[in-house]
Amino acid sequence: MSDGFLFEENVVLGLSDTYVKLKASLLKNGCKILAEEIPTQISIVQGSVWGVSPRAAKKNMIFHLSESEGNTRIFGTSVWTKGYKLLTLVGSVLSAALLLLCAWIFLSISSYVSSFKINYWSWLVRSNGFLDLQKAHLFINLTEVIVVFLAISLIAEIVVVAFALSRIDSFALETLDKLT
């Protein structure tokens, strides 16, 4: 987990006391401890794969503690879990694929209505070999709404991911601020 966002804090407590307080704070906030090297390191997982905010997104964090002149220096990294990355990527790719499919259907049927030239998706709006205008307008309107909805949701997903990534260390920083 060397990739990720680095955070750092100095605490005016001894190493063992800081470790105990940090661990208690993490457990109180629902973190799952993955590994410990008492009192110098603690690895956790925090958040949910369904989380969209920086604090709620599922991530792994490693806290390293070292003593220096009676104080404790805490530093570490925050990275999204593989499951969170995969779910975000798969959801975005499927949305983009559905958007492209609906856009293709929209353009195909619109072209068929205006030119009467049979194309790949024209069979959807034909009845008894002829153009069914009611069906055509229904498909055009439906696919247009779906394309707009999916485009807006993909843009929103990009904004949410960028925001969550830019503040992935917010939970760690909040936790460390409570120790000082």
N, C-alpha and C. Protein backbone atom coordinates (compact mmCIF):
# COMPACT_ATOMS: atom_id res chain seq x y z
N MET A 1 0.83 -1.20 0.00
CA MET A 1 0.00 0.00 0.00
C MET A 1 0.86 1.25 0.00
N SER A 2 1.92 1.27 -0.73
CA SER A 2 2.77 2.45 -0.76
C SER A 2 2.13 3.56 -1.59
N ASP A 3 1.27 3.21 -2.55
CA ASP A 3 0.55 4.24 -3.30
C ASP A 3 -0.51 4.80 -2.40
N GLY A 4 -0.95 6.00 -2.68
CA GLY A 4 -2.03 6.56 -1.88
C GLY A 4 -1.71 7.95 -1.41
N PHE A 5 -2.56 8.43 -0.57
CA PHE A 5 -2.44 9.79 -0.06
C PHE A 5 -1.81 9.75 1.31
N LEU A 6 -0.78 10.54 1.48
CA LEU A 6 -0.03 10.57 2.72
C LEU A 6 -0.66 11.55 3.70
N PHE A 7 -0.73 11.16 4.95
CA PHE A 7 -1.16 12.05 6.02
C PHE A 7 -0.15 11.98 7.14
N GLU A 8 -0.09 13.05 7.93
CA GLU A 8 0.90 13.10 9.01
C GLU A 8 0.39 14.01 10.12
N GLU A 9 0.74 13.64 11.37
CA GLU A 9 0.35 14.43 12.55
C GLU A 9 1.34 14.14 13.67
N ASN A 10 1.58 15.13 14.49
CA ASN A 10 2.39 14.95 15.69
C ASN A 10 1.48 15.06 16.90
N VAL A 11 1.65 14.13 17.84
CA VAL A 11 0.80 14.07 19.03
C VAL A 11 1.69 14.21 20.26
N VAL A 12 1.21 15.02 21.22
CA VAL A 12 1.98 15.26 22.44
C VAL A 12 1.64 14.20 23.48
N LEU A 13 1.88 12.96 23.13
CA LEU A 13 1.69 11.81 24.02
C LEU A 13 2.80 10.82 23.73
N GLY A 14 3.02 9.92 24.63
CA GLY A 14 3.99 8.86 24.40
C GLY A 14 3.49 7.88 23.36
N LEU A 15 4.37 7.07 22.85
CA LEU A 15 4.06 6.13 21.78
C LEU A 15 2.95 5.15 22.17
N SER A 16 3.08 4.51 23.32
CA SER A 16 2.08 3.51 23.75
C SER A 16 0.72 4.14 23.99
N ASP A 17 0.69 5.30 24.66
CA ASP A 17 -0.59 5.99 24.92
C ASP A 17 -1.26 6.42 23.62
N THR A 18 -0.47 6.92 22.68
CA THR A 18 -1.01 7.34 21.38
C THR A 18 -1.59 6.14 20.65
N TYR A 19 -0.87 5.02 20.66
CA TYR A 19 -1.33 3.81 19.98
C TYR A 19 -2.68 3.35 20.54
N VAL A 20 -2.78 3.33 21.86
CA VAL A 20 -4.01 2.88 22.51
C VAL A 20 -5.17 3.81 22.15
N LYS A 21 -4.93 5.12 22.21
CA LYS A 21 -6.00 6.09 21.87
C LYS A 21 -6.39 6.00 20.40
N LEU A 22 -5.39 5.84 19.53
CA LEU A 22 -5.67 5.73 18.09
C LEU A 22 -6.50 4.48 17.81
N LYS A 23 -6.09 3.36 18.34
CA LYS A 23 -6.82 2.10 18.12
C LYS A 23 -8.25 2.20 18.64
N ALA A 24 -8.43 2.76 19.83
CA ALA A 24 -9.77 2.92 20.40
C ALA A 24 -10.63 3.81 19.52
N SER A 25 -10.06 4.90 19.03
CA SER A 25 -10.80 5.82 18.17
C SER A 25 -11.21 5.15 16.86
N LEU A 26 -10.30 4.38 16.27
CA LEU A 26 -10.60 3.68 15.02
C LEU A 26 -11.70 2.64 15.22
N LEU A 27 -11.62 1.88 16.28
CA LEU A 27 -12.66 0.87 16.56
C LEU A 27 -14.01 1.53 16.85
N LYS A 28 -13.98 2.64 17.56
CA LYS A 28 -15.22 3.37 17.88
C LYS A 28 -15.91 3.86 16.60
N ASN A 29 -15.11 4.16 15.58
CA ASN A 29 -15.65 4.64 14.31
C ASN A 29 -15.95 3.52 13.32
N GLY A 30 -15.96 2.27 13.79
CA GLY A 30 -16.38 1.15 12.96
C GLY A 30 -15.31 0.61 12.02
N CYS A 31 -14.07 0.93 12.25
CA CYS A 31 -12.99 0.41 11.41
C CYS A 31 -12.71 -1.04 11.75
N LYS A 32 -12.27 -1.78 10.74
CA LYS A 32 -11.88 -3.17 10.95
C LYS A 32 -10.35 -3.22 10.89
N ILE A 33 -9.75 -3.77 11.92
CA ILE A 33 -8.29 -3.85 11.97
C ILE A 33 -7.84 -5.04 11.13
N LEU A 34 -6.94 -4.76 10.19
CA LEU A 34 -6.40 -5.80 9.31
C LEU A 34 -5.11 -6.38 9.87
N ALA A 35 -4.26 -5.51 10.43
CA ALA A 35 -2.98 -5.97 10.98
C ALA A 35 -2.47 -4.94 11.98
N GLU A 36 -1.69 -5.43 12.95
CA GLU A 36 -1.09 -4.55 13.95
C GLU A 36 0.34 -4.97 14.23
N GLU A 37 1.17 -3.98 14.47
CA GLU A 37 2.49 -4.19 15.05
C GLU A 37 2.55 -3.24 16.24
N ILE A 38 2.11 -3.74 17.37
CA ILE A 38 1.97 -2.91 18.57
C ILE A 38 3.33 -2.43 19.03
N PRO A 39 3.56 -1.21 19.32
CA PRO A 39 2.74 -0.01 19.18
C PRO A 39 3.16 0.87 18.00
N THR A 40 3.70 0.28 16.92
CA THR A 40 4.26 1.12 15.86
C THR A 40 3.45 1.16 14.57
N GLN A 41 2.50 0.26 14.38
CA GLN A 41 1.75 0.26 13.13
C GLN A 41 0.39 -0.38 13.31
N ILE A 42 -0.60 0.19 12.61
CA ILE A 42 -1.94 -0.40 12.60
C ILE A 42 -2.51 -0.21 11.19
N SER A 43 -3.03 -1.28 10.62
CA SER A 43 -3.64 -1.25 9.29
C SER A 43 -5.13 -1.51 9.45
N ILE A 44 -5.94 -0.71 8.78
CA ILE A 44 -7.39 -0.84 8.92
C ILE A 44 -8.08 -0.76 7.57
N VAL A 45 -9.34 -1.15 7.56
CA VAL A 45 -10.23 -0.88 6.44
C VAL A 45 -11.40 -0.09 7.02
N GLN A 46 -11.83 0.92 6.27
CA GLN A 46 -12.88 1.82 6.76
C GLN A 46 -13.79 2.20 5.61
N GLY A 47 -15.06 2.38 5.87
CA GLY A 47 -16.01 2.84 4.87
C GLY A 47 -16.80 1.69 4.26
N SER A 48 -17.48 2.00 3.16
CA SER A 48 -18.36 1.04 2.49
C SER A 48 -18.16 1.14 0.98
N VAL A 49 -18.34 0.02 0.28
CA VAL A 49 -18.24 0.07 -1.18
C VAL A 49 -19.34 0.94 -1.77
N TRP A 50 -20.39 1.19 -1.02
CA TRP A 50 -21.50 2.04 -1.51
C TRP A 50 -21.29 3.50 -1.13
N GLY A 51 -20.25 3.82 -0.38
CA GLY A 51 -20.00 5.19 0.05
C GLY A 51 -19.60 6.09 -1.10
N VAL A 52 -20.13 7.30 -1.12
CA VAL A 52 -19.80 8.24 -2.19
C VAL A 52 -19.02 9.44 -1.69
N SER A 53 -19.04 9.68 -0.40
CA SER A 53 -18.29 10.81 0.14
C SER A 53 -16.87 10.34 0.46
N PRO A 54 -15.94 11.28 0.57
CA PRO A 54 -14.56 10.89 0.89
C PRO A 54 -14.48 10.09 2.20
N ARG A 55 -15.28 10.45 3.17
CA ARG A 55 -15.24 9.77 4.47
C ARG A 55 -15.89 8.38 4.39
N ALA A 56 -16.91 8.24 3.54
CA ALA A 56 -17.67 6.99 3.49
C ALA A 56 -17.13 5.97 2.49
N ALA A 57 -16.30 6.39 1.54
CA ALA A 57 -15.76 5.47 0.54
C ALA A 57 -14.88 4.42 1.22
N LYS A 58 -14.96 3.20 0.76
CA LYS A 58 -14.20 2.12 1.40
C LYS A 58 -12.73 2.25 1.05
N LYS A 59 -11.90 2.26 2.10
CA LYS A 59 -10.47 2.46 1.90
C LYS A 59 -9.66 1.69 2.92
N ASN A 60 -8.43 1.41 2.55
CA ASN A 60 -7.45 0.83 3.47
C ASN A 60 -6.54 1.96 3.93
N MET A 61 -6.17 1.91 5.20
CA MET A 61 -5.26 2.91 5.74
C MET A 61 -4.22 2.21 6.60
N ILE A 62 -3.02 2.74 6.53
CA ILE A 62 -1.95 2.27 7.41
C ILE A 62 -1.47 3.48 8.22
N PHE A 63 -1.43 3.31 9.52
CA PHE A 63 -0.91 4.32 10.43
C PHE A 63 0.43 3.83 10.97
N HIS A 64 1.48 4.61 10.76
CA HIS A 64 2.80 4.30 11.31
C HIS A 64 3.05 5.27 12.47
N LEU A 65 3.51 4.77 13.61
CA LEU A 65 3.79 5.60 14.77
C LEU A 65 5.27 5.49 15.13
N SER A 66 5.86 6.63 15.45
CA SER A 66 7.26 6.62 15.91
C SER A 66 7.41 7.70 16.98
N GLU A 67 8.25 7.41 17.97
CA GLU A 67 8.44 8.32 19.09
C GLU A 67 9.62 9.24 18.81
N SER A 68 9.45 10.50 19.19
CA SER A 68 10.51 11.49 19.01
C SER A 68 10.40 12.51 20.13
N GLU A 69 11.35 12.49 21.05
CA GLU A 69 11.42 13.46 22.16
C GLU A 69 10.13 13.51 22.98
N GLY A 70 9.58 12.37 23.30
CA GLY A 70 8.38 12.30 24.13
C GLY A 70 7.09 12.48 23.37
N ASN A 71 7.15 12.94 22.14
CA ASN A 71 5.97 13.08 21.29
C ASN A 71 5.88 11.87 20.36
N THR A 72 4.76 11.75 19.70
CA THR A 72 4.59 10.65 18.74
C THR A 72 4.25 11.23 17.38
N ARG A 73 4.99 10.80 16.40
CA ARG A 73 4.72 11.18 15.00
C ARG A 73 3.91 10.06 14.38
N ILE A 74 2.78 10.43 13.79
CA ILE A 74 1.93 9.44 13.12
C ILE A 74 1.86 9.84 11.64
N PHE A 75 2.16 8.90 10.78
CA PHE A 75 2.01 9.15 9.36
C PHE A 75 1.48 7.88 8.70
N GLY A 76 0.95 8.02 7.51
CA GLY A 76 0.42 6.85 6.84
C GLY A 76 -0.18 7.17 5.49
N THR A 77 -0.88 6.19 4.95
CA THR A 77 -1.49 6.34 3.64
C THR A 77 -2.95 5.88 3.66
N SER A 78 -3.71 6.45 2.75
CA SER A 78 -5.10 6.04 2.51
C SER A 78 -5.22 5.66 1.04
N VAL A 79 -5.76 4.48 0.77
CA VAL A 79 -6.03 4.06 -0.61
C VAL A 79 -7.38 3.36 -0.66
N TRP A 80 -8.07 3.54 -1.79
CA TRP A 80 -9.33 2.84 -1.96
C TRP A 80 -9.08 1.34 -2.03
N THR A 81 -10.04 0.57 -1.55
CA THR A 81 -9.93 -0.88 -1.64
C THR A 81 -10.13 -1.31 -3.09
N LYS A 82 -9.64 -2.50 -3.42
CA LYS A 82 -9.81 -3.02 -4.78
C LYS A 82 -11.29 -3.17 -5.13
N GLY A 83 -12.09 -3.62 -4.16
CA GLY A 83 -13.52 -3.77 -4.40
C GLY A 83 -14.20 -2.46 -4.73
N TYR A 84 -13.82 -1.40 -4.02
CA TYR A 84 -14.42 -0.07 -4.27
C TYR A 84 -14.02 0.42 -5.66
N LYS A 85 -12.74 0.26 -6.01
CA LYS A 85 -12.27 0.68 -7.33
C LYS A 85 -12.99 -0.11 -8.42
N LEU A 86 -13.11 -1.43 -8.23
CA LEU A 86 -13.74 -2.29 -9.22
C LEU A 86 -15.21 -1.95 -9.40
N LEU A 87 -15.93 -1.77 -8.30
CA LEU A 87 -17.35 -1.43 -8.39
C LEU A 87 -17.55 -0.08 -9.10
N THR A 88 -16.72 0.89 -8.77
CA THR A 88 -16.81 2.20 -9.42
C THR A 88 -16.52 2.09 -10.91
N LEU A 89 -15.48 1.36 -11.26
CA LEU A 89 -15.10 1.20 -12.67
C LEU A 89 -16.16 0.43 -13.46
N VAL A 90 -16.60 -0.69 -12.93
CA VAL A 90 -17.59 -1.51 -13.63
C VAL A 90 -18.90 -0.73 -13.80
N GLY A 91 -19.34 -0.06 -12.76
CA GLY A 91 -20.56 0.73 -12.87
C GLY A 91 -20.46 1.82 -13.92
N SER A 92 -19.34 2.50 -13.95
CA SER A 92 -19.14 3.57 -14.94
C SER A 92 -19.06 3.02 -16.36
N VAL A 93 -18.36 1.91 -16.54
CA VAL A 93 -18.23 1.30 -17.87
C VAL A 93 -19.59 0.81 -18.36
N LEU A 94 -20.36 0.15 -17.49
CA LEU A 94 -21.69 -0.32 -17.89
C LEU A 94 -22.62 0.84 -18.23
N SER A 95 -22.55 1.92 -17.45
CA SER A 95 -23.36 3.11 -17.75
C SER A 95 -22.98 3.71 -19.09
N ALA A 96 -21.67 3.79 -19.35
CA ALA A 96 -21.20 4.34 -20.62
C ALA A 96 -21.63 3.46 -21.79
N ALA A 97 -21.55 2.13 -21.62
CA ALA A 97 -21.97 1.21 -22.68
C ALA A 97 -23.46 1.34 -22.96
N LEU A 98 -24.27 1.43 -21.90
CA LEU A 98 -25.71 1.60 -22.08
C LEU A 98 -26.03 2.95 -22.72
N LEU A 99 -25.29 3.97 -22.34
CA LEU A 99 -25.48 5.29 -22.95
C LEU A 99 -25.20 5.22 -24.44
N LEU A 100 -24.10 4.59 -24.83
CA LEU A 100 -23.76 4.48 -26.26
C LEU A 100 -24.80 3.66 -27.02
N LEU A 101 -25.27 2.57 -26.42
CA LEU A 101 -26.30 1.75 -27.06
C LEU A 101 -27.58 2.56 -27.28
N CYS A 102 -28.02 3.27 -26.26
CA CYS A 102 -29.25 4.07 -26.38
C CYS A 102 -29.07 5.21 -27.37
N ALA A 103 -27.89 5.81 -27.40
CA ALA A 103 -27.62 6.88 -28.37
C ALA A 103 -27.68 6.32 -29.79
N TRP A 104 -27.13 5.13 -29.98
CA TRP A 104 -27.16 4.48 -31.29
C TRP A 104 -28.61 4.20 -31.71
N ILE A 105 -29.41 3.66 -30.80
CA ILE A 105 -30.82 3.39 -31.10
C ILE A 105 -31.55 4.68 -31.43
N PHE A 106 -31.32 5.72 -30.62
CA PHE A 106 -31.94 7.03 -30.84
C PHE A 106 -31.62 7.56 -32.23
N LEU A 107 -30.33 7.57 -32.59
CA LEU A 107 -29.91 8.10 -33.89
C LEU A 107 -30.43 7.24 -35.04
N SER A 108 -30.43 5.93 -34.85
CA SER A 108 -30.89 5.01 -35.88
C SER A 108 -32.38 5.20 -36.18
N ILE A 109 -33.17 5.25 -35.12
CA ILE A 109 -34.62 5.41 -35.31
C ILE A 109 -34.95 6.81 -35.84
N SER A 110 -34.26 7.82 -35.34
CA SER A 110 -34.47 9.19 -35.85
C SER A 110 -34.15 9.26 -37.34
N SER A 111 -33.07 8.60 -37.74
CA SER A 111 -32.69 8.57 -39.15
C SER A 111 -33.74 7.84 -39.98
N TYR A 112 -34.24 6.74 -39.47
CA TYR A 112 -35.27 5.97 -40.18
C TYR A 112 -36.55 6.80 -40.36
N VAL A 113 -36.95 7.52 -39.32
CA VAL A 113 -38.16 8.34 -39.40
C VAL A 113 -37.99 9.45 -40.44
N SER A 114 -36.80 10.05 -40.51
CA SER A 114 -36.61 11.18 -41.43
C SER A 114 -36.30 10.74 -42.86
N SER A 115 -35.68 9.58 -43.04
CA SER A 115 -35.28 9.18 -44.40
C SER A 115 -36.03 7.96 -44.93
N PHE A 116 -36.71 7.23 -44.09
CA PHE A 116 -37.42 5.99 -44.43
C PHE A 116 -36.48 4.90 -44.96
N LYS A 117 -35.18 5.06 -44.69
CA LYS A 117 -34.21 4.02 -45.09
C LYS A 117 -34.07 3.04 -43.93
N ILE A 118 -34.29 1.77 -44.23
CA ILE A 118 -34.21 0.74 -43.19
C ILE A 118 -32.76 0.64 -42.71
N ASN A 119 -32.61 0.59 -41.40
CA ASN A 119 -31.28 0.46 -40.80
C ASN A 119 -31.34 -0.56 -39.67
N TYR A 120 -30.27 -0.66 -38.90
CA TYR A 120 -30.12 -1.72 -37.92
C TYR A 120 -31.26 -1.76 -36.89
N TRP A 121 -31.67 -0.63 -36.38
CA TRP A 121 -32.69 -0.61 -35.32
C TRP A 121 -34.09 -0.26 -35.83
N SER A 122 -34.27 -0.13 -37.11
CA SER A 122 -35.59 0.25 -37.63
C SER A 122 -36.65 -0.81 -37.36
N TRP A 123 -36.27 -2.07 -37.20
CA TRP A 123 -37.23 -3.14 -36.91
C TRP A 123 -38.01 -2.89 -35.62
N LEU A 124 -37.43 -2.10 -34.71
CA LEU A 124 -38.13 -1.81 -33.45
C LEU A 124 -39.41 -0.99 -33.66
N VAL A 125 -39.45 -0.22 -34.73
CA VAL A 125 -40.59 0.70 -34.92
C VAL A 125 -41.38 0.38 -36.19
N ARG A 126 -41.25 -0.85 -36.66
CA ARG A 126 -42.02 -1.27 -37.83
C ARG A 126 -43.15 -2.19 -37.40
N SER A 127 -44.27 -2.02 -38.01
CA SER A 127 -45.42 -2.91 -37.80
C SER A 127 -45.95 -3.32 -39.17
N ASN A 128 -46.05 -4.60 -39.38
CA ASN A 128 -46.51 -5.14 -40.67
C ASN A 128 -45.70 -4.58 -41.83
N GLY A 129 -44.42 -4.38 -41.62
CA GLY A 129 -43.53 -3.91 -42.70
C GLY A 129 -43.52 -2.41 -42.90
N PHE A 130 -44.30 -1.67 -42.12
CA PHE A 130 -44.36 -0.22 -42.31
C PHE A 130 -43.93 0.50 -41.03
N LEU A 131 -43.54 1.73 -41.21
CA LEU A 131 -43.13 2.57 -40.09
C LEU A 131 -44.34 2.86 -39.20
N ASP A 132 -44.21 2.61 -37.92
CA ASP A 132 -45.24 2.93 -36.93
C ASP A 132 -44.76 4.19 -36.21
N LEU A 133 -45.31 5.34 -36.61
CA LEU A 133 -44.84 6.63 -36.08
C LEU A 133 -45.03 6.74 -34.57
N GLN A 134 -46.10 6.20 -34.07
CA GLN A 134 -46.33 6.25 -32.63
C GLN A 134 -45.22 5.52 -31.87
N LYS A 135 -44.92 4.33 -32.34
CA LYS A 135 -43.85 3.54 -31.74
C LYS A 135 -42.49 4.25 -31.91
N ALA A 136 -42.27 4.83 -33.08
CA ALA A 136 -41.01 5.52 -33.35
C ALA A 136 -40.82 6.69 -32.39
N HIS A 137 -41.84 7.50 -32.22
CA HIS A 137 -41.72 8.64 -31.30
C HIS A 137 -41.55 8.18 -29.86
N LEU A 138 -42.20 7.09 -29.50
CA LEU A 138 -42.03 6.54 -28.16
C LEU A 138 -40.57 6.13 -27.93
N PHE A 139 -40.00 5.39 -28.90
CA PHE A 139 -38.60 4.96 -28.77
C PHE A 139 -37.64 6.14 -28.80
N ILE A 140 -37.90 7.10 -29.66
CA ILE A 140 -37.03 8.28 -29.74
C ILE A 140 -37.05 9.03 -28.40
N ASN A 141 -38.25 9.26 -27.87
CA ASN A 141 -38.35 9.99 -26.60
C ASN A 141 -37.74 9.19 -25.44
N LEU A 142 -38.01 7.89 -25.41
CA LEU A 142 -37.49 7.05 -24.34
C LEU A 142 -35.96 7.00 -24.36
N THR A 143 -35.39 6.74 -25.54
CA THR A 143 -33.93 6.66 -25.62
C THR A 143 -33.28 8.02 -25.37
N GLU A 144 -33.94 9.08 -25.77
CA GLU A 144 -33.40 10.42 -25.51
C GLU A 144 -33.33 10.70 -24.00
N VAL A 145 -34.39 10.35 -23.29
CA VAL A 145 -34.41 10.53 -21.83
C VAL A 145 -33.33 9.68 -21.17
N ILE A 146 -33.19 8.44 -21.62
CA ILE A 146 -32.18 7.55 -21.04
C ILE A 146 -30.77 8.09 -21.31
N VAL A 147 -30.52 8.56 -22.52
CA VAL A 147 -29.20 9.11 -22.86
C VAL A 147 -28.88 10.32 -22.00
N VAL A 148 -29.83 11.22 -21.84
CA VAL A 148 -29.60 12.41 -21.02
C VAL A 148 -29.37 12.01 -19.56
N PHE A 149 -30.20 11.11 -19.05
CA PHE A 149 -30.04 10.65 -17.66
C PHE A 149 -28.67 10.01 -17.44
N LEU A 150 -28.27 9.12 -18.34
CA LEU A 150 -26.99 8.44 -18.19
C LEU A 150 -25.81 9.41 -18.35
N ALA A 151 -25.93 10.38 -19.25
CA ALA A 151 -24.86 11.37 -19.41
C ALA A 151 -24.70 12.19 -18.13
N ILE A 152 -25.82 12.62 -17.57
CA ILE A 152 -25.76 13.39 -16.31
C ILE A 152 -25.20 12.53 -15.18
N SER A 153 -25.63 11.25 -15.10
CA SER A 153 -25.13 10.39 -14.02
C SER A 153 -23.64 10.09 -14.18
N LEU A 154 -23.15 9.96 -15.41
CA LEU A 154 -21.72 9.73 -15.62
C LEU A 154 -20.90 10.97 -15.24
N ILE A 155 -21.40 12.13 -15.60
CA ILE A 155 -20.72 13.37 -15.21
C ILE A 155 -20.70 13.50 -13.69
N ALA A 156 -21.84 13.20 -13.06
CA ALA A 156 -21.91 13.25 -11.60
C ALA A 156 -20.94 12.24 -10.98
N GLU A 157 -20.83 11.06 -11.55
CA GLU A 157 -19.90 10.03 -11.05
C GLU A 157 -18.46 10.52 -11.13
N ILE A 158 -18.11 11.15 -12.23
CA ILE A 158 -16.75 11.68 -12.39
C ILE A 158 -16.47 12.74 -11.33
N VAL A 159 -17.43 13.63 -11.09
CA VAL A 159 -17.27 14.68 -10.08
C VAL A 159 -17.14 14.06 -8.68
N VAL A 160 -18.00 13.09 -8.37
CA VAL A 160 -17.98 12.44 -7.05
C VAL A 160 -16.66 11.70 -6.84
N VAL A 161 -16.19 10.97 -7.85
CA VAL A 161 -14.93 10.23 -7.74
C VAL A 161 -13.76 11.20 -7.56
N ALA A 162 -13.74 12.27 -8.34
CA ALA A 162 -12.66 13.26 -8.21
C ALA A 162 -12.67 13.89 -6.82
N PHE A 163 -13.85 14.24 -6.33
CA PHE A 163 -13.97 14.84 -5.00
C PHE A 163 -13.54 13.86 -3.91
N ALA A 164 -14.03 12.62 -3.99
CA ALA A 164 -13.68 11.62 -2.98
C ALA A 164 -12.19 11.31 -3.01
N LEU A 165 -11.61 11.25 -4.19
CA LEU A 165 -10.18 10.98 -4.30
C LEU A 165 -9.34 12.12 -3.75
N SER A 166 -9.80 13.34 -3.98
CA SER A 166 -9.02 14.51 -3.51
C SER A 166 -9.02 14.62 -1.99
N ARG A 167 -9.98 13.99 -1.33
CA ARG A 167 -10.07 14.08 0.13
C ARG A 167 -10.13 12.70 0.79
N ILE A 168 -9.46 11.73 0.17
CA ILE A 168 -9.51 10.36 0.67
C ILE A 168 -8.94 10.25 2.08
N ASP A 169 -8.05 11.16 2.44
CA ASP A 169 -7.42 11.10 3.76
C ASP A 169 -8.21 11.85 4.84
N SER A 170 -9.40 12.34 4.53
CA SER A 170 -10.17 13.15 5.49
C SER A 170 -10.51 12.37 6.76
N PHE A 171 -10.88 11.10 6.65
CA PHE A 171 -11.19 10.32 7.84
C PHE A 171 -9.95 10.19 8.73
N ALA A 172 -8.82 9.88 8.11
CA ALA A 172 -7.57 9.73 8.88
C ALA A 172 -7.21 11.04 9.58
N LEU A 173 -7.33 12.15 8.87
CA LEU A 173 -6.99 13.45 9.47
C LEU A 173 -7.94 13.81 10.61
N GLU A 174 -9.23 13.53 10.43
CA GLU A 174 -10.20 13.79 11.51
C GLU A 174 -9.86 12.94 12.75
N THR A 175 -9.52 11.69 12.51
CA THR A 175 -9.17 10.79 13.62
C THR A 175 -7.93 11.29 14.35
N LEU A 176 -6.93 11.71 13.60
CA LEU A 176 -5.68 12.19 14.20
C LEU A 176 -5.89 13.52 14.92
N ASP A 177 -6.77 14.38 14.40
CA ASP A 177 -7.07 15.65 15.08
C ASP A 177 -7.68 15.42 16.45
N LYS A 178 -8.46 14.36 16.60
CA LYS A 178 -9.08 14.06 17.90
C LYS A 178 -8.04 13.59 18.94
N LEU A 179 -6.89 13.11 18.46
CA LEU A 179 -5.86 12.65 19.38
C LEU A 179 -5.05 13.80 19.96
N THR A 180 -5.02 14.93 19.24
CA THR A 180 -4.18 16.06 19.70
C THR A 180 -4.87 16.92 20.71
